[in-house]
Amino acid sequence: MPLIDTNRLKVVERLPGWRGRYFHSQNMTFAHYDFTRGACIHEHFHPEEEVYEVIEGELELTIDGTPQIAKPGFVAIVAANARHSVTALTDGRAIIVDYPVRREFS
């Protein structure tokens, strides 16, 4: 199995305040994000299931209209095609995994 040094991956700021490093396995997309307090991901949906694991800080995730706080020790699971948005309540870091692969994150 190959090893990937995520610290050597190119940093991409896909949205203001969301700086990510991306890589893919055969079936999944991984994003390692550093986020800034107040940064938002607009409400959207996509056909991939998505899992948020907060490593540091706090995120407010609204999934199908229900807001919840994700912080270290919690994982948020967004079902495929569920409408969701995210607001960073603090600075922090998170790992987001999509299944299947999200080709637009190449």
Protein backbone atom coordinates (compact mmCIF):
# COMPACT_ATOMS: atom_id res chain seq x y z
CA MET A 1 0.00 0.00 0.00
CA PRO A 2 1.45 3.39 -0.90
CA LEU A 3 2.13 6.00 1.74
CA ILE A 4 1.13 9.63 1.20
CA ASP A 5 2.80 12.46 3.08
CA THR A 6 -0.14 14.85 3.36
CA ASN A 7 2.19 17.65 4.47
CA ARG A 8 3.79 17.59 1.00
CA LEU A 9 0.51 17.91 -0.91
CA LYS A 10 -0.37 21.21 -2.59
CA VAL A 11 -2.65 23.44 -0.48
CA VAL A 12 -5.76 24.65 -2.29
CA GLU A 13 -8.14 27.29 -0.90
CA ARG A 14 -11.37 26.05 -2.52
CA LEU A 15 -13.47 28.57 -0.56
CA PRO A 16 -12.32 31.53 1.56
CA GLY A 17 -10.97 30.19 4.86
CA TRP A 18 -10.89 26.53 3.74
CA ARG A 19 -7.32 25.47 2.89
CA GLY A 20 -7.20 21.81 1.87
CA ARG A 21 -4.85 19.08 0.76
CA TYR A 22 -6.52 16.41 -1.38
CA PHE A 23 -5.80 12.84 -2.37
CA HIS A 24 -7.76 9.81 -3.57
CA SER A 25 -7.78 6.12 -2.87
CA GLN A 26 -9.37 3.82 -5.42
CA ASN A 27 -12.87 4.53 -4.03
CA MET A 28 -12.68 7.60 -1.77
CA THR A 29 -11.60 11.23 -1.75
CA PHE A 30 -9.79 12.63 1.29
CA ALA A 31 -9.48 16.31 2.18
CA HIS A 32 -7.32 17.54 5.06
CA TYR A 33 -8.54 21.06 5.84
CA ASP A 34 -7.31 23.94 7.95
CA PHE A 35 -10.27 26.26 8.47
CA THR A 36 -10.60 29.82 9.75
CA ARG A 37 -13.23 31.05 12.19
CA GLY A 38 -16.24 32.39 10.28
CA ALA A 39 -15.44 30.52 7.05
CA CYS A 40 -18.53 28.99 5.45
CA ILE A 41 -19.41 26.31 2.96
CA HIS A 42 -22.71 27.28 1.33
CA GLU A 43 -25.68 24.94 1.37
CA HIS A 44 -25.26 22.31 -1.32
CA PHE A 45 -25.68 18.61 -2.03
CA HIS A 46 -23.86 15.98 -4.07
CA PRO A 47 -24.26 12.27 -4.84
CA GLU A 48 -21.33 11.25 -2.62
CA GLU A 49 -21.67 10.32 1.05
CA GLU A 50 -19.44 12.61 3.14
CA VAL A 51 -17.90 12.19 6.59
CA TYR A 52 -16.46 15.09 8.63
CA GLU A 53 -13.99 14.38 11.42
CA VAL A 54 -12.97 17.49 13.34
CA ILE A 55 -9.42 17.25 14.67
CA GLU A 56 -9.22 20.74 16.25
CA GLY A 57 -11.82 23.48 16.70
CA GLU A 58 -15.57 23.44 16.12
CA LEU A 59 -17.81 23.37 13.06
CA GLU A 60 -21.54 23.95 12.86
CA LEU A 61 -22.92 21.52 10.28
CA THR A 62 -26.48 21.96 9.12
CA ILE A 63 -27.75 18.76 7.52
CA ASP A 64 -31.23 18.77 6.00
CA GLY A 65 -32.06 21.90 8.03
CA THR A 66 -30.82 20.61 11.40
CA PRO A 67 -27.76 22.39 12.84
CA GLN A 68 -25.32 20.46 15.03
CA ILE A 69 -21.88 21.20 16.46
CA ALA A 70 -18.98 18.94 15.50
CA LYS A 71 -15.79 19.09 17.57
CA PRO A 72 -12.94 16.71 18.36
CA GLY A 73 -14.31 13.30 19.24
CA PHE A 74 -17.41 13.71 17.05
CA VAL A 75 -17.96 12.61 13.47
CA ALA A 76 -20.68 14.03 11.22
CA ILE A 77 -22.03 11.79 8.48
CA VAL A 78 -23.79 13.45 5.55
CA ALA A 79 -25.86 11.06 3.47
CA ALA A 80 -25.64 11.18 -0.31
CA ASN A 81 -27.81 13.99 -1.75
CA ALA A 82 -28.53 15.50 1.70
CA ARG A 83 -28.54 19.31 1.68
CA HIS A 84 -25.81 20.58 4.02
CA SER A 85 -23.76 23.65 4.91
CA VAL A 86 -20.86 24.30 7.26
CA THR A 87 -19.73 27.28 9.36
CA ALA A 88 -16.41 27.34 11.23
CA LEU A 89 -17.10 28.48 14.80
CA THR A 90 -13.36 28.58 15.56
CA ASP A 91 -10.09 28.09 13.73
CA GLY A 92 -9.31 24.40 13.37
CA ARG A 93 -8.58 21.32 11.32
CA ALA A 94 -10.78 18.59 9.89
CA ILE A 95 -10.56 15.54 7.68
CA ILE A 96 -13.40 15.08 5.21
CA VAL A 97 -13.88 11.82 3.33
CA ASP A 98 -16.20 11.31 0.35
CA TYR A 99 -17.42 8.02 -1.09
CA PRO A 100 -17.26 7.38 -3.94
CA VAL A 101 -14.39 9.47 -5.34
CA ARG A 102 -15.13 13.14 -6.11
CA ARG A 103 -13.28 13.67 -9.39
CA GLU A 104 -13.68 17.48 -9.20
CA PHE A 105 -11.24 17.43 -6.24
CA SER A 106 -8.34 16.27 -8.40
